[in-house]
């Protein structure tokens, strides 16, 4: 993966509502209302609803807000290690 690709992913991530996102699933996390993704600092931003989304879809989307920056950081860390190894071995 190139740095340009990582920058594009990072740009999309940073353009989303800040703060952690949480999936709040009817019947699993609460017993009244609808399934929703709670967004923003202290869950104060407008809720995000999916039409036709599965519980797994809600969980994936909500976790992506936290997972993507972690993955970007790890990819960059590993890329740096690979570069250091290549330089040290002359490859």
PDB file of N, CA and C in Angstrom:
ATOM      1  N   UNK A   1       0.849  -1.171   0.000  1.00  0.00           N
ATOM      2  CA  UNK A   1       0.000   0.000   0.000  1.00  0.00           C
ATOM      3  C   UNK A   1       0.895   1.233   0.000  1.00  0.00           C
ATOM      4  N   UNK A   2       0.567   2.170  -0.844  1.00  0.00           N
ATOM      5  CA  UNK A   2       1.387   3.380  -0.943  1.00  0.00           C
ATOM      6  C   UNK A   2       0.966   4.408   0.102  1.00  0.00           C
ATOM      7  N   UNK A   3       1.861   5.346   0.341  1.00  0.00           N
ATOM      8  CA  UNK A   3       1.536   6.438   1.273  1.00  0.00           C
ATOM      9  C   UNK A   3       0.383   7.271   0.731  1.00  0.00           C
ATOM     10  N   UNK A   4       0.312   7.419  -0.579  1.00  0.00           N
ATOM     11  CA  UNK A   4      -0.810   8.154  -1.188  1.00  0.00           C
ATOM     12  C   UNK A   4      -2.142   7.484  -0.866  1.00  0.00           C
ATOM     13  N   UNK A   5      -2.190   6.160  -0.960  1.00  0.00           N
ATOM     14  CA  UNK A   5      -3.415   5.434  -0.628  1.00  0.00           C
ATOM     15  C   UNK A   5      -3.766   5.615   0.847  1.00  0.00           C
ATOM     16  N   UNK A   6      -2.771   5.524   1.715  1.00  0.00           N
ATOM     17  CA  UNK A   6      -3.021   5.748   3.144  1.00  0.00           C
ATOM     18  C   UNK A   6      -3.525   7.160   3.411  1.00  0.00           C
ATOM     19  N   UNK A   7      -2.959   8.127   2.718  1.00  0.00           N
ATOM     20  CA  UNK A   7      -3.402   9.515   2.897  1.00  0.00           C
ATOM     21  C   UNK A   7      -4.851   9.695   2.466  1.00  0.00           C
ATOM     22  N   UNK A   8      -5.261   9.032   1.393  1.00  0.00           N
ATOM     23  CA  UNK A   8      -6.658   9.116   0.941  1.00  0.00           C
ATOM     24  C   UNK A   8      -7.603   8.492   1.970  1.00  0.00           C
ATOM     25  N   UNK A   9      -7.232   7.337   2.491  1.00  0.00           N
ATOM     26  CA  UNK A   9      -8.047   6.691   3.526  1.00  0.00           C
ATOM     27  C   UNK A   9      -8.115   7.579   4.763  1.00  0.00           C
ATOM     28  N   UNK A  10      -6.973   8.122   5.141  1.00  0.00           N
ATOM     29  CA  UNK A  10      -6.910   9.002   6.312  1.00  0.00           C
ATOM     30  C   UNK A  10      -7.763  10.253   6.113  1.00  0.00           C
ATOM     31  N   UNK A  11      -7.753  10.787   4.917  1.00  0.00           N
ATOM     32  CA  UNK A  11      -8.561  11.968   4.603  1.00  0.00           C
ATOM     33  C   UNK A  11     -10.051  11.658   4.779  1.00  0.00           C
ATOM     34  N   UNK A  12     -10.491  10.507   4.281  1.00  0.00           N
ATOM     35  CA  UNK A  12     -11.904  10.123   4.442  1.00  0.00           C
ATOM     36  C   UNK A  12     -12.251   9.922   5.908  1.00  0.00           C
ATOM     37  N   UNK A  13     -11.375   9.251   6.633  1.00  0.00           N
ATOM     38  CA  UNK A  13     -11.619   9.023   8.060  1.00  0.00           C
ATOM     39  C   UNK A  13     -11.724  10.347   8.817  1.00  0.00           C
ATOM     40  N   UNK A  14     -10.804  11.258   8.559  1.00  0.00           N
ATOM     41  CA  UNK A  14     -10.781  12.533   9.289  1.00  0.00           C
ATOM     42  C   UNK A  14     -11.971  13.428   8.954  1.00  0.00           C
ATOM     43  N   UNK A  15     -12.612  13.186   7.823  1.00  0.00           N
ATOM     44  CA  UNK A  15     -13.776  13.988   7.431  1.00  0.00           C
ATOM     45  C   UNK A  15     -15.060  13.533   8.124  1.00  0.00           C
ATOM     46  N   UNK A  16     -15.017  12.402   8.821  1.00  0.00           N
ATOM     47  CA  UNK A  16     -16.210  11.897   9.500  1.00  0.00           C
ATOM     48  C   UNK A  16     -16.424  12.625  10.825  1.00  0.00           C
ATOM     49  N   UNK A  17     -17.575  12.398  11.436  1.00  0.00           N
ATOM     50  CA  UNK A  17     -17.875  12.971  12.741  1.00  0.00           C
ATOM     51  C   UNK A  17     -16.844  12.480  13.746  1.00  0.00           C
ATOM     52  N   UNK A  18     -16.266  13.397  14.507  1.00  0.00           N
ATOM     53  CA  UNK A  18     -15.200  13.034  15.444  1.00  0.00           C
ATOM     54  C   UNK A  18     -15.752  12.280  16.641  1.00  0.00           C
ATOM     55  N   UNK A  19     -14.842  11.701  17.394  1.00  0.00           N
ATOM     56  CA  UNK A  19     -15.213  10.960  18.591  1.00  0.00           C
ATOM     57  C   UNK A  19     -15.506   9.513  18.280  1.00  0.00           C
ATOM     58  N   UNK A  20     -15.699   8.744  19.337  1.00  0.00           N
ATOM     59  CA  UNK A  20     -15.999   7.334  19.144  1.00  0.00           C
ATOM     60  C   UNK A  20     -17.427   7.158  18.655  1.00  0.00           C
ATOM     61  N   UNK A  21     -17.618   6.105  17.889  1.00  0.00           N
ATOM     62  CA  UNK A  21     -18.947   5.716  17.428  1.00  0.00           C
ATOM     63  C   UNK A  21     -19.317   4.408  18.116  1.00  0.00           C
ATOM     64  N   UNK A  22     -20.590   4.247  18.429  1.00  0.00           N
ATOM     65  CA  UNK A  22     -21.076   3.057  19.116  1.00  0.00           C
ATOM     66  C   UNK A  22     -22.327   2.538  18.423  1.00  0.00           C
ATOM     67  N   UNK A  23     -22.378   1.241  18.180  1.00  0.00           N
ATOM     68  CA  UNK A  23     -23.601   0.615  17.671  1.00  0.00           C
ATOM     69  C   UNK A  23     -24.504   0.349  18.871  1.00  0.00           C
ATOM     70  N   UNK A  24     -25.723   0.814  18.793  1.00  0.00           N
ATOM     71  CA  UNK A  24     -26.720   0.570  19.829  1.00  0.00           C
ATOM     72  C   UNK A  24     -27.853  -0.216  19.174  1.00  0.00           C
ATOM     73  N   UNK A  25     -27.886  -1.519  19.445  1.00  0.00           N
ATOM     74  CA  UNK A  25     -28.751  -2.445  18.721  1.00  0.00           C
ATOM     75  C   UNK A  25     -29.988  -2.780  19.552  1.00  0.00           C
ATOM     76  N   UNK A  26     -31.153  -2.574  18.925  1.00  0.00           N
ATOM     77  CA  UNK A  26     -32.434  -2.931  19.548  1.00  0.00           C
ATOM     78  C   UNK A  26     -32.428  -4.415  19.890  1.00  0.00           C
ATOM     79  N   UNK A  27     -32.759  -4.753  21.126  1.00  0.00           N
ATOM     80  CA  UNK A  27     -32.809  -6.137  21.564  1.00  0.00           C
ATOM     81  C   UNK A  27     -31.491  -6.675  22.090  1.00  0.00           C
ATOM     82  N   UNK A  28     -30.392  -6.025  21.764  1.00  0.00           N
ATOM     83  CA  UNK A  28     -29.089  -6.430  22.291  1.00  0.00           C
ATOM     84  C   UNK A  28     -28.588  -5.420  23.316  1.00  0.00           C
ATOM     85  N   UNK A  29     -28.664  -4.129  22.963  1.00  0.00           N
ATOM     86  CA  UNK A  29     -28.118  -3.073  23.813  1.00  0.00           C
ATOM     87  C   UNK A  29     -29.197  -2.259  24.519  1.00  0.00           C
ATOM     88  N   UNK A  30     -30.403  -2.308  24.022  1.00  0.00           N
ATOM     89  CA  UNK A  30     -31.537  -1.620  24.639  1.00  0.00           C
ATOM     90  C   UNK A  30     -32.818  -2.297  24.189  1.00  0.00           C
ATOM     91  N   UNK A  31     -33.912  -1.977  24.854  1.00  0.00           N
ATOM     92  CA  UNK A  31     -35.164  -2.697  24.576  1.00  0.00           C
ATOM     93  C   UNK A  31     -36.261  -1.835  23.982  1.00  0.00           C
ATOM     94  N   UNK A  32     -35.958  -0.608  23.647  1.00  0.00           N
ATOM     95  CA  UNK A  32     -36.986   0.210  22.999  1.00  0.00           C
ATOM     96  C   UNK A  32     -36.322   1.142  21.996  1.00  0.00           C
ATOM     97  N   UNK A  33     -37.028   1.435  20.934  1.00  0.00           N
ATOM     98  CA  UNK A  33     -36.470   2.293  19.898  1.00  0.00           C
ATOM     99  C   UNK A  33     -35.901   1.482  18.754  1.00  0.00           C
ATOM    100  N   UNK A  34     -35.000   2.105  18.019  1.00  0.00           N
ATOM    101  CA  UNK A  34     -34.438   1.477  16.830  1.00  0.00           C
ATOM    102  C   UNK A  34     -32.946   1.239  17.018  1.00  0.00           C
ATOM    103  N   UNK A  35     -32.397   0.382  16.169  1.00  0.00           N
ATOM    104  CA  UNK A  35     -30.948   0.226  16.124  1.00  0.00           C
ATOM    105  C   UNK A  35     -30.366   1.498  15.505  1.00  0.00           C
ATOM    106  N   UNK A  36     -29.235   1.939  16.036  1.00  0.00           N
ATOM    107  CA  UNK A  36     -28.668   3.216  15.638  1.00  0.00           C
ATOM    108  C   UNK A  36     -27.169   3.202  15.915  1.00  0.00           C
ATOM    109  N   UNK A  37     -26.441   4.059  15.211  1.00  0.00           N
ATOM    110  CA  UNK A  37     -25.039   4.298  15.537  1.00  0.00           C
ATOM    111  C   UNK A  37     -24.975   5.662  16.214  1.00  0.00           C
ATOM    112  N   UNK A  38     -24.509   5.648  17.454  1.00  0.00           N
ATOM    113  CA  UNK A  38     -24.349   6.880  18.227  1.00  0.00           C
ATOM    114  C   UNK A  38     -22.971   7.434  17.912  1.00  0.00           C
ATOM    115  N   UNK A  39     -22.900   8.730  17.616  1.00  0.00           N
ATOM    116  CA  UNK A  39     -21.638   9.307  17.146  1.00  0.00           C
ATOM    117  C   UNK A  39     -21.238  10.517  17.943  1.00  0.00           C
ATOM    118  N   UNK A  40     -19.931  10.787  17.919  1.00  0.00           N
ATOM    119  CA  UNK A  40     -19.399  12.022  18.454  1.00  0.00           C
ATOM    120  C   UNK A  40     -19.037  11.948  19.918  1.00  0.00           C
ATOM    121  N   UNK A  41     -18.421  13.029  20.375  1.00  0.00           N
ATOM    122  CA  UNK A  41     -18.034  13.137  21.775  1.00  0.00           C
ATOM    123  C   UNK A  41     -19.279  13.017  22.637  1.00  0.00           C
ATOM    124  N   UNK A  42     -19.231  12.125  23.603  1.00  0.00           N
ATOM    125  CA  UNK A  42     -20.356  11.880  24.517  1.00  0.00           C
ATOM    126  C   UNK A  42     -21.640  11.507  23.792  1.00  0.00           C
ATOM    127  N   UNK A  43     -21.494  10.942  22.589  1.00  0.00           N
ATOM    128  CA  UNK A  43     -22.647  10.473  21.795  1.00  0.00           C
ATOM    129  C   UNK A  43     -23.654  11.594  21.545  1.00  0.00           C
ATOM    130  N   UNK A  44     -23.174  12.802  21.313  1.00  0.00           N
ATOM    131  CA  UNK A  44     -24.032  13.977  21.184  1.00  0.00           C
ATOM    132  C   UNK A  44     -24.338  14.400  19.754  1.00  0.00           C
ATOM    133  N   UNK A  45     -23.666  13.797  18.776  1.00  0.00           N
ATOM    134  CA  UNK A  45     -23.943  14.152  17.388  1.00  0.00           C
ATOM    135  C   UNK A  45     -25.214  13.454  16.916  1.00  0.00           C
ATOM    136  N   UNK A  46     -25.705  13.835  15.760  1.00  0.00           N
ATOM    137  CA  UNK A  46     -26.902  13.222  15.202  1.00  0.00           C
ATOM    138  C   UNK A  46     -26.682  11.726  15.012  1.00  0.00           C
ATOM    139  N   UNK A  47     -27.662  10.927  15.430  1.00  0.00           N
ATOM    140  CA  UNK A  47     -27.571   9.475  15.289  1.00  0.00           C
ATOM    141  C   UNK A  47     -27.555   9.083  13.815  1.00  0.00           C
ATOM    142  N   UNK A  48     -26.916   7.968  13.535  1.00  0.00           N
ATOM    143  CA  UNK A  48     -26.816   7.439  12.178  1.00  0.00           C
ATOM    144  C   UNK A  48     -27.662   6.173  12.097  1.00  0.00           C
ATOM    145  N   UNK A  49     -28.602   6.156  11.164  1.00  0.00           N
ATOM    146  CA  UNK A  49     -29.485   5.008  10.975  1.00  0.00           C
ATOM    147  C   UNK A  49     -29.159   4.331   9.650  1.00  0.00           C
ATOM    148  N   UNK A  50     -29.263   3.008   9.617  1.00  0.00           N
ATOM    149  CA  UNK A  50     -29.084   2.248   8.391  1.00  0.00           C
ATOM    150  C   UNK A  50     -30.417   1.658   7.974  1.00  0.00           C
ATOM    151  N   UNK A  51     -30.660   1.633   6.693  1.00  0.00           N
ATOM    152  CA  UNK A  51     -31.835   0.949   6.165  1.00  0.00           C
ATOM    153  C   UNK A  51     -31.355  -0.373   5.601  1.00  0.00           C
ATOM    154  N   UNK A  52     -31.894  -1.456   6.130  1.00  0.00           N
ATOM    155  CA  UNK A  52     -31.529  -2.771   5.640  1.00  0.00           C
ATOM    156  C   UNK A  52     -30.217  -3.299   6.185  1.00  0.00           C
ATOM    157  N   UNK A  53     -29.621  -2.604   7.146  1.00  0.00           N
ATOM    158  CA  UNK A  53     -28.354  -3.052   7.703  1.00  0.00           C
ATOM    159  C   UNK A  53     -28.541  -4.162   8.721  1.00  0.00           C
ATOM    160  N   UNK A  54     -27.615  -5.101   8.733  1.00  0.00           N
ATOM    161  CA  UNK A  54     -27.618  -6.164   9.729  1.00  0.00           C
ATOM    162  C   UNK A  54     -26.940  -5.664  11.001  1.00  0.00           C
ATOM    163  N   UNK A  55     -27.057  -6.433  12.068  1.00  0.00           N
ATOM    164  CA  UNK A  55     -26.356  -6.095  13.305  1.00  0.00           C
ATOM    165  C   UNK A  55     -24.857  -6.021  13.029  1.00  0.00           C
ATOM    166  N   UNK A  56     -24.367  -6.937  12.241  1.00  0.00           N
ATOM    167  CA  UNK A  56     -22.946  -6.945  11.896  1.00  0.00           C
ATOM    168  C   UNK A  56     -22.544  -5.700  11.114  1.00  0.00           C
ATOM    169  N   UNK A  57     -23.434  -5.207  10.246  1.00  0.00           N
ATOM    170  CA  UNK A  57     -23.165  -3.970   9.508  1.00  0.00           C
ATOM    171  C   UNK A  57     -23.031  -2.792  10.468  1.00  0.00           C
ATOM    172  N   UNK A  58     -23.963  -2.702  11.417  1.00  0.00           N
ATOM    173  CA  UNK A  58     -23.901  -1.628  12.418  1.00  0.00           C
ATOM    174  C   UNK A  58     -22.587  -1.699  13.199  1.00  0.00           C
ATOM    175  N   UNK A  59     -22.249  -2.898  13.675  1.00  0.00           N
ATOM    176  CA  UNK A  59     -21.023  -3.054  14.452  1.00  0.00           C
ATOM    177  C   UNK A  59     -19.791  -2.689  13.631  1.00  0.00           C
ATOM    178  N   UNK A  60     -19.748  -3.132  12.370  1.00  0.00           N
ATOM    179  CA  UNK A  60     -18.602  -2.855  11.518  1.00  0.00           C
ATOM    180  C   UNK A  60     -18.436  -1.349  11.291  1.00  0.00           C
ATOM    181  N   UNK A  61     -19.518  -0.683  10.928  1.00  0.00           N
ATOM    182  CA  UNK A  61     -19.450   0.761  10.643  1.00  0.00           C
ATOM    183  C   UNK A  61     -19.060   1.538  11.889  1.00  0.00           C
ATOM    184  N   UNK A  62     -19.675   1.198  13.016  1.00  0.00           N
ATOM    185  CA  UNK A  62     -19.354   1.905  14.251  1.00  0.00           C
ATOM    186  C   UNK A  62     -17.897   1.688  14.647  1.00  0.00           C
ATOM    187  N   UNK A  63     -17.413   0.472  14.552  1.00  0.00           N
ATOM    188  CA  UNK A  63     -16.034   0.188  14.934  1.00  0.00           C
ATOM    189  C   UNK A  63     -15.025   0.751  13.939  1.00  0.00           C
ATOM    190  N   UNK A  64     -15.413   0.892  12.684  1.00  0.00           N
ATOM    191  CA  UNK A  64     -14.487   1.410  11.679  1.00  0.00           C
ATOM    192  C   UNK A  64     -13.949   2.782  12.071  1.00  0.00           C
ATOM    193  N   UNK A  65     -14.766   3.591  12.726  1.00  0.00           N
ATOM    194  CA  UNK A  65     -14.338   4.940  13.144  1.00  0.00           C
ATOM    195  C   UNK A  65     -13.139   4.866  14.085  1.00  0.00           C
ATOM    196  N   UNK A  66     -13.063   3.823  14.900  1.00  0.00           N
ATOM    197  CA  UNK A  66     -11.936   3.637  15.799  1.00  0.00           C
ATOM    198  C   UNK A  66     -10.853   2.758  15.162  1.00  0.00           C
ATOM    199  N   UNK A  67     -11.253   1.789  14.351  1.00  0.00           N
ATOM    200  CA  UNK A  67     -10.308   0.813  13.793  1.00  0.00           C
ATOM    201  C   UNK A  67      -9.417   1.400  12.700  1.00  0.00           C
ATOM    202  N   UNK A  68      -9.970   2.239  11.840  1.00  0.00           N
ATOM    203  CA  UNK A  68      -9.209   2.759  10.692  1.00  0.00           C
ATOM    204  C   UNK A  68      -7.954   3.513  11.137  1.00  0.00           C
ATOM    205  N   UNK A  69      -8.030   4.462  12.073  1.00  0.00           N
ATOM    206  CA  UNK A  69      -6.790   5.148  12.456  1.00  0.00           C
ATOM    207  C   UNK A  69      -5.761   4.194  13.086  1.00  0.00           C
ATOM    208  N   UNK A  70      -6.212   3.190  13.816  1.00  0.00           N
ATOM    209  CA  UNK A  70      -5.308   2.199  14.393  1.00  0.00           C
ATOM    210  C   UNK A  70      -4.607   1.423  13.292  1.00  0.00           C
ATOM    211  N   UNK A  71      -5.359   1.009  12.285  1.00  0.00           N
ATOM    212  CA  UNK A  71      -4.775   0.267  11.167  1.00  0.00           C
ATOM    213  C   UNK A  71      -3.795   1.124  10.367  1.00  0.00           C
ATOM    214  N   UNK A  72      -4.129   2.380  10.145  1.00  0.00           N
ATOM    215  CA  UNK A  72      -3.226   3.274   9.414  1.00  0.00           C
ATOM    216  C   UNK A  72      -1.904   3.417  10.172  1.00  0.00           C
ATOM    217  N   UNK A  73      -1.987   3.615  11.465  1.00  0.00           N
ATOM    218  CA  UNK A  73      -0.783   3.744  12.290  1.00  0.00           C
ATOM    219  C   UNK A  73       0.067   2.483  12.217  1.00  0.00           C
ATOM    220  N   UNK A  74      -0.570   1.323  12.293  1.00  0.00           N
ATOM    221  CA  UNK A  74       0.168   0.054  12.244  1.00  0.00           C
ATOM    222  C   UNK A  74       0.789  -0.169  10.871  1.00  0.00           C
ATOM    223  N   UNK A  75       0.095   0.157   9.803  1.00  0.00           N
ATOM    224  CA  UNK A  75       0.655   0.013   8.457  1.00  0.00           C
ATOM    225  C   UNK A  75       1.888   0.891   8.308  1.00  0.00           C
ATOM    226  N   UNK A  76       1.807   2.116   8.795  1.00  0.00           N
ATOM    227  CA  UNK A  76       2.963   3.021   8.702  1.00  0.00           C
ATOM    228  C   UNK A  76       4.125   2.510   9.550  1.00  0.00           C
ATOM    229  N   UNK A  77       3.841   1.982  10.722  1.00  0.00           N
ATOM    230  CA  UNK A  77       4.889   1.449  11.589  1.00  0.00           C
ATOM    231  C   UNK A  77       5.584   0.266  10.914  1.00  0.00           C
ATOM    232  N   UNK A  78       4.802  -0.635  10.364  1.00  0.00           N
ATOM    233  CA  UNK A  78       5.374  -1.804   9.694  1.00  0.00           C
ATOM    234  C   UNK A  78       6.133  -1.413   8.426  1.00  0.00           C
ATOM    235  N   UNK A  79       5.614  -0.450   7.696  1.00  0.00           N
ATOM    236  CA  UNK A  79       6.313   0.026   6.492  1.00  0.00           C
ATOM    237  C   UNK A  79       7.669   0.614   6.854  1.00  0.00           C
ATOM    238  N   UNK A  80       7.714   1.353   7.942  1.00  0.00           N
ATOM    239  CA  UNK A  80       8.983   1.928   8.407  1.00  0.00           C
ATOM    240  C   UNK A  80       9.967   0.820   8.803  1.00  0.00           C
ATOM    241  N   UNK A  81       9.484  -0.190   9.487  1.00  0.00           N
ATOM    242  CA  UNK A  81      10.352  -1.324   9.847  1.00  0.00           C
ATOM    243  C   UNK A  81      10.886  -2.024   8.601  1.00  0.00           C
ATOM    244  N   UNK A  82      10.032  -2.229   7.612  1.00  0.00           N
ATOM    245  CA  UNK A  82      10.465  -2.858   6.361  1.00  0.00           C
ATOM    246  C   UNK A  82      11.538  -2.008   5.686  1.00  0.00           C
ATOM    247  N   UNK A  83      11.315  -0.697   5.639  1.00  0.00           N
ATOM    248  CA  UNK A  83      12.306   0.198   5.035  1.00  0.00           C
ATOM    249  C   UNK A  83      13.638   0.121   5.780  1.00  0.00           C
ATOM    250  N   UNK A  84      13.586   0.097   7.108  1.00  0.00           N
ATOM    251  CA  UNK A  84      14.816   0.002   7.905  1.00  0.00           C
ATOM    252  C   UNK A  84      15.539  -1.315   7.639  1.00  0.00           C
ATOM    253  N   UNK A  85      14.780  -2.397   7.545  1.00  0.00           N
ATOM    254  CA  UNK A  85      15.393  -3.700   7.259  1.00  0.00           C
ATOM    255  C   UNK A  85      16.037  -3.720   5.869  1.00  0.00           C
ATOM    256  N   UNK A  86      15.354  -3.147   4.909  1.00  0.00           N
ATOM    257  CA  UNK A  86      15.906  -3.101   3.555  1.00  0.00           C
ATOM    258  C   UNK A  86      17.208  -2.307   3.528  1.00  0.00           C
ATOM    259  N   UNK A  87      17.227  -1.181   4.234  1.00  0.00           N
ATOM    260  CA  UNK A  87      18.427  -0.346   4.267  1.00  0.00           C
ATOM    261  C   UNK A  87      19.568  -1.075   4.963  1.00  0.00           C
ATOM    262  N   UNK A  88      19.258  -1.799   6.022  1.00  0.00           N
ATOM    263  CA  UNK A  88      20.315  -2.479   6.778  1.00  0.00           C
ATOM    264  C   UNK A  88      20.886  -3.692   6.044  1.00  0.00           C
ATOM    265  N   UNK A  89      20.080  -4.283   5.145  1.00  0.00           N
ATOM    266  CA  UNK A  89      20.560  -5.441   4.388  1.00  0.00           C
ATOM    267  C   UNK A  89      21.009  -5.068   2.981  1.00  0.00           C
ATOM    268  N   UNK A  90      20.807  -3.820   2.607  1.00  0.00           N
ATOM    269  CA  UNK A  90      21.216  -3.366   1.280  1.00  0.00           C
ATOM    270  C   UNK A  90      20.268  -3.765   0.163  1.00  0.00           C
ATOM    271  N   UNK A  91      19.033  -4.123   0.487  1.00  0.00           N
ATOM    272  CA  UNK A  91      18.051  -4.515  -0.539  1.00  0.00           C
ATOM    273  C   UNK A  91      17.103  -3.405  -0.838  1.00  0.00           C
TER     274      UNK A  91
END
